[in-house]
N, C-alpha and C. Protein backbone atom coordinates (compact mmCIF):
# COMPACT_ATOMS: atom_id res chain seq x y z
N MET A 1 83.17 89.84 77.34
CA MET A 1 84.24 90.81 77.15
C MET A 1 85.23 90.23 76.12
N LYS A 2 85.57 91.02 75.14
CA LYS A 2 86.55 90.61 74.14
C LYS A 2 87.61 91.69 74.03
N ILE A 3 88.81 91.27 73.70
CA ILE A 3 89.90 92.21 73.50
C ILE A 3 89.73 92.85 72.11
N PRO A 4 89.74 94.18 72.03
CA PRO A 4 89.56 94.84 70.75
C PRO A 4 90.67 94.49 69.76
N LYS A 5 90.32 94.53 68.49
CA LYS A 5 91.30 94.19 67.42
C LYS A 5 92.53 95.08 67.52
N SER A 6 92.34 96.33 67.90
CA SER A 6 93.49 97.25 67.93
C SER A 6 94.51 96.85 69.00
N LEU A 7 94.13 95.98 69.93
CA LEU A 7 95.04 95.57 71.01
C LEU A 7 95.60 94.15 70.77
N HIS A 8 95.19 93.51 69.70
CA HIS A 8 95.64 92.16 69.41
C HIS A 8 97.17 92.09 69.25
N ARG A 9 97.77 93.17 68.80
CA ARG A 9 99.24 93.14 68.55
C ARG A 9 100.04 92.88 69.79
N TYR A 10 99.45 93.12 70.95
CA TYR A 10 100.17 92.91 72.21
C TYR A 10 100.16 91.41 72.65
N PHE A 11 99.40 90.62 71.94
CA PHE A 11 99.26 89.21 72.25
C PHE A 11 99.78 88.37 71.08
N TRP A 12 100.98 88.68 70.64
CA TRP A 12 101.60 88.02 69.47
C TRP A 12 101.85 86.55 69.69
N ASP A 13 101.94 86.13 70.93
CA ASP A 13 102.34 84.74 71.23
C ASP A 13 101.18 83.82 71.55
N VAL A 14 99.96 84.32 71.51
CA VAL A 14 98.78 83.53 71.81
C VAL A 14 97.71 83.76 70.74
N ASN A 15 96.75 82.86 70.69
CA ASN A 15 95.60 83.02 69.81
C ASN A 15 94.61 83.92 70.56
N VAL A 16 94.51 85.19 70.14
CA VAL A 16 93.68 86.15 70.85
C VAL A 16 92.20 85.78 70.77
N GLU A 17 91.80 85.15 69.70
CA GLU A 17 90.40 84.78 69.53
C GLU A 17 89.99 83.76 70.61
N LYS A 18 90.93 82.98 71.08
CA LYS A 18 90.61 81.99 72.11
C LYS A 18 90.90 82.50 73.55
N LEU A 19 91.53 83.65 73.66
CA LEU A 19 91.86 84.21 74.95
C LEU A 19 90.66 84.87 75.59
N ASP A 20 90.30 84.40 76.76
CA ASP A 20 89.16 84.94 77.50
C ASP A 20 89.68 85.86 78.61
N PRO A 21 89.48 87.18 78.44
CA PRO A 21 89.98 88.14 79.45
C PRO A 21 89.41 87.94 80.85
N LYS A 22 88.25 87.30 80.95
CA LYS A 22 87.65 87.02 82.26
C LYS A 22 88.33 85.83 82.93
N LYS A 23 88.80 84.87 82.15
CA LYS A 23 89.45 83.69 82.72
C LYS A 23 90.92 83.90 82.96
N LYS A 24 91.55 84.80 82.24
CA LYS A 24 92.99 85.06 82.33
C LYS A 24 93.28 86.56 82.63
N PRO A 25 92.68 87.12 83.66
CA PRO A 25 92.85 88.54 83.89
C PRO A 25 94.29 88.93 84.19
N TYR A 26 95.03 88.09 84.94
CA TYR A 26 96.41 88.42 85.27
C TYR A 26 97.24 88.59 84.00
N PHE A 27 97.08 87.67 83.11
CA PHE A 27 97.86 87.71 81.86
C PHE A 27 97.48 88.93 81.01
N VAL A 28 96.21 89.16 80.85
CA VAL A 28 95.75 90.24 80.00
C VAL A 28 96.16 91.63 80.64
N ILE A 29 95.91 91.79 81.89
CA ILE A 29 96.27 93.06 82.53
C ILE A 29 97.75 93.31 82.50
N SER A 30 98.53 92.30 82.85
CA SER A 30 99.97 92.52 82.88
C SER A 30 100.52 92.79 81.49
N ARG A 31 100.06 92.07 80.49
CA ARG A 31 100.57 92.27 79.11
C ARG A 31 100.21 93.67 78.61
N LEU A 32 98.96 94.13 78.82
CA LEU A 32 98.56 95.41 78.33
C LEU A 32 99.22 96.55 79.09
N LEU A 33 99.36 96.42 80.40
CA LEU A 33 100.04 97.53 81.14
C LEU A 33 101.53 97.54 80.88
N ASP A 34 102.14 96.39 80.69
CA ASP A 34 103.59 96.37 80.48
C ASP A 34 103.98 96.70 79.07
N LYS A 35 103.25 96.23 78.09
CA LYS A 35 103.65 96.41 76.69
C LYS A 35 102.78 97.39 75.92
N GLY A 36 101.61 97.73 76.47
CA GLY A 36 100.62 98.50 75.75
C GLY A 36 100.83 100.00 75.73
N ASP A 37 99.92 100.66 75.01
CA ASP A 37 99.92 102.11 74.91
C ASP A 37 98.77 102.70 75.73
N ILE A 38 98.45 103.94 75.49
CA ILE A 38 97.38 104.60 76.25
C ILE A 38 96.04 103.96 76.01
N GLU A 39 95.79 103.51 74.80
CA GLU A 39 94.54 102.81 74.50
C GLU A 39 94.41 101.52 75.31
N ALA A 40 95.52 100.81 75.45
CA ALA A 40 95.52 99.55 76.21
C ALA A 40 95.28 99.86 77.70
N ALA A 41 95.90 100.91 78.20
CA ALA A 41 95.71 101.30 79.62
C ALA A 41 94.25 101.68 79.87
N ARG A 42 93.65 102.40 78.93
CA ARG A 42 92.25 102.81 79.08
C ARG A 42 91.35 101.59 79.07
N TRP A 43 91.65 100.62 78.19
CA TRP A 43 90.83 99.43 78.12
C TRP A 43 90.89 98.66 79.42
N VAL A 44 92.10 98.55 80.00
CA VAL A 44 92.23 97.89 81.31
C VAL A 44 91.42 98.61 82.35
N LYS A 45 91.53 99.93 82.38
CA LYS A 45 90.81 100.73 83.38
C LYS A 45 89.29 100.57 83.22
N ASP A 46 88.81 100.51 81.99
CA ASP A 46 87.41 100.39 81.72
C ASP A 46 86.83 99.00 81.99
N ASN A 47 87.68 97.98 81.93
CA ASN A 47 87.18 96.59 81.99
C ASN A 47 87.54 95.83 83.24
N TYR A 48 88.44 96.35 84.03
CA TYR A 48 88.84 95.64 85.25
C TYR A 48 88.76 96.59 86.45
N ASP A 49 88.44 96.00 87.59
CA ASP A 49 88.40 96.73 88.82
C ASP A 49 89.79 97.13 89.26
N ASP A 50 89.93 98.32 89.84
CA ASP A 50 91.24 98.79 90.31
C ASP A 50 91.89 97.84 91.29
N ASP A 51 91.07 97.21 92.13
CA ASP A 51 91.63 96.28 93.13
C ASP A 51 92.27 95.06 92.46
N LEU A 52 91.68 94.60 91.36
CA LEU A 52 92.26 93.50 90.62
C LEU A 52 93.59 93.93 89.97
N VAL A 53 93.64 95.13 89.42
CA VAL A 53 94.87 95.64 88.85
C VAL A 53 95.96 95.72 89.91
N ARG A 54 95.62 96.22 91.09
CA ARG A 54 96.57 96.26 92.20
C ARG A 54 97.08 94.87 92.57
N GLU A 55 96.16 93.92 92.57
CA GLU A 55 96.51 92.53 92.88
C GLU A 55 97.53 91.99 91.85
N VAL A 56 97.28 92.29 90.59
CA VAL A 56 98.19 91.85 89.53
C VAL A 56 99.54 92.48 89.73
N LEU A 57 99.59 93.78 90.02
CA LEU A 57 100.85 94.45 90.24
C LEU A 57 101.64 93.83 91.39
N GLN A 58 100.92 93.42 92.43
CA GLN A 58 101.59 92.86 93.59
C GLN A 58 102.01 91.41 93.41
N ASN A 59 101.40 90.69 92.49
CA ASN A 59 101.66 89.27 92.38
C ASN A 59 102.31 88.80 91.08
N TYR A 60 102.36 89.61 90.09
CA TYR A 60 102.90 89.20 88.79
C TYR A 60 104.34 89.66 88.71
N ARG A 61 105.27 88.78 88.53
CA ARG A 61 106.68 89.11 88.60
C ARG A 61 107.31 89.56 87.28
N ASP A 62 106.60 89.41 86.16
CA ASP A 62 107.22 89.64 84.85
C ASP A 62 107.06 91.06 84.29
N PHE A 63 106.62 91.99 85.08
CA PHE A 63 106.55 93.39 84.64
C PHE A 63 107.98 93.89 84.47
N SER A 64 108.20 94.78 83.50
CA SER A 64 109.48 95.46 83.44
C SER A 64 109.55 96.39 84.66
N LEU A 65 110.73 96.69 85.12
CA LEU A 65 110.85 97.55 86.30
C LEU A 65 110.29 98.91 86.04
N LYS A 66 110.50 99.41 84.84
CA LYS A 66 109.99 100.74 84.48
C LYS A 66 108.47 100.78 84.51
N SER A 67 107.84 99.79 83.89
CA SER A 67 106.37 99.75 83.87
C SER A 67 105.81 99.54 85.27
N ALA A 68 106.42 98.64 86.01
CA ALA A 68 105.93 98.36 87.37
C ALA A 68 106.05 99.61 88.25
N SER A 69 107.14 100.33 88.12
CA SER A 69 107.30 101.57 88.89
C SER A 69 106.22 102.58 88.54
N PHE A 70 105.97 102.74 87.22
CA PHE A 70 104.95 103.72 86.78
C PHE A 70 103.58 103.33 87.28
N TRP A 71 103.18 102.06 87.05
CA TRP A 71 101.81 101.64 87.42
C TRP A 71 101.65 101.57 88.94
N SER A 72 102.72 101.32 89.68
CA SER A 72 102.59 101.31 91.14
C SER A 72 102.28 102.71 91.65
N LEU A 73 102.82 103.74 90.99
CA LEU A 73 102.46 105.11 91.33
C LEU A 73 100.99 105.41 90.99
N ILE A 74 100.56 105.03 89.83
CA ILE A 74 99.23 105.31 89.36
C ILE A 74 98.19 104.60 90.28
N TYR A 75 98.46 103.35 90.60
CA TYR A 75 97.51 102.57 91.41
C TYR A 75 97.83 102.58 92.89
N GLN A 76 98.78 103.37 93.29
CA GLN A 76 99.17 103.58 94.69
C GLN A 76 99.49 102.26 95.39
N VAL A 77 100.38 101.51 94.80
CA VAL A 77 100.89 100.28 95.37
C VAL A 77 102.34 100.52 95.76
N PRO A 78 102.69 100.38 97.03
CA PRO A 78 104.11 100.59 97.41
C PRO A 78 105.04 99.65 96.69
N LEU A 79 106.20 100.13 96.28
CA LEU A 79 107.14 99.31 95.52
C LEU A 79 107.56 98.06 96.27
N ASN A 80 107.62 98.15 97.58
CA ASN A 80 108.06 96.96 98.34
C ASN A 80 106.99 95.82 98.30
N LYS A 81 105.82 96.15 97.78
CA LYS A 81 104.77 95.15 97.61
C LYS A 81 104.64 94.62 96.21
N VAL A 82 105.40 95.24 95.28
CA VAL A 82 105.39 94.84 93.88
C VAL A 82 106.40 93.69 93.72
N LYS A 83 105.92 92.56 93.24
CA LYS A 83 106.74 91.32 93.23
C LYS A 83 108.05 91.49 92.41
N CYS A 84 108.00 92.18 91.29
CA CYS A 84 109.21 92.25 90.50
C CYS A 84 110.31 93.11 91.13
N PHE A 85 109.99 93.83 92.20
CA PHE A 85 110.97 94.61 92.94
C PHE A 85 111.47 93.87 94.17
N GLN A 86 111.02 92.66 94.38
CA GLN A 86 111.46 91.88 95.55
C GLN A 86 112.55 90.87 95.15
N GLU A 87 113.33 90.53 96.16
CA GLU A 87 114.28 89.43 95.95
C GLU A 87 113.51 88.16 95.95
N PRO A 88 113.84 87.13 95.22
CA PRO A 88 115.02 86.99 94.36
C PRO A 88 114.82 87.50 92.94
N TYR A 89 113.68 88.09 92.65
CA TYR A 89 113.39 88.50 91.26
C TYR A 89 114.35 89.59 90.77
N LEU A 90 114.76 90.49 91.67
CA LEU A 90 115.71 91.54 91.24
C LEU A 90 117.05 90.94 90.88
N SER A 91 117.54 90.01 91.69
CA SER A 91 118.82 89.41 91.38
C SER A 91 118.77 88.50 90.16
N MET A 92 117.61 87.87 89.91
CA MET A 92 117.45 87.05 88.72
C MET A 92 117.56 87.91 87.46
N ARG A 93 117.05 89.11 87.51
CA ARG A 93 117.08 89.99 86.33
C ARG A 93 118.50 90.40 85.97
N LYS A 94 119.40 90.42 86.96
CA LYS A 94 120.76 90.85 86.72
C LYS A 94 121.57 89.78 85.97
N LYS A 95 121.10 88.57 86.03
CA LYS A 95 121.83 87.48 85.35
C LYS A 95 121.42 87.47 83.89
N HIS A 96 122.37 87.16 83.04
CA HIS A 96 122.07 87.09 81.60
C HIS A 96 121.16 85.91 81.32
N TRP A 97 121.48 84.77 81.86
CA TRP A 97 120.70 83.56 81.71
C TRP A 97 120.67 82.85 83.05
N PRO A 98 119.57 82.97 83.81
CA PRO A 98 119.57 82.49 85.19
C PRO A 98 119.51 80.96 85.34
N TYR A 99 119.52 80.20 84.26
CA TYR A 99 119.35 78.76 84.41
C TYR A 99 120.62 78.01 84.05
């Protein structure tokens, strides 16, 4: 499995040629669902099992609240199970620089 060239723009901070979507599914799924367009969402749907996407939603804290809310509805994950909606992550987001 390789990430299509049209989706490389969402991975501006890594070498996409070396990125293995099978070895780093959390990173790939979260980046494409959070920053991607409809093509990215379709690619995730076509290449990953829905249960894995649900697992990413529940365990990955770096989703934007808007994206996490949307995808939790699509994949039927209760918001209280989505990590970025839990404390302390919500209060960390309110700080300008939490460190």
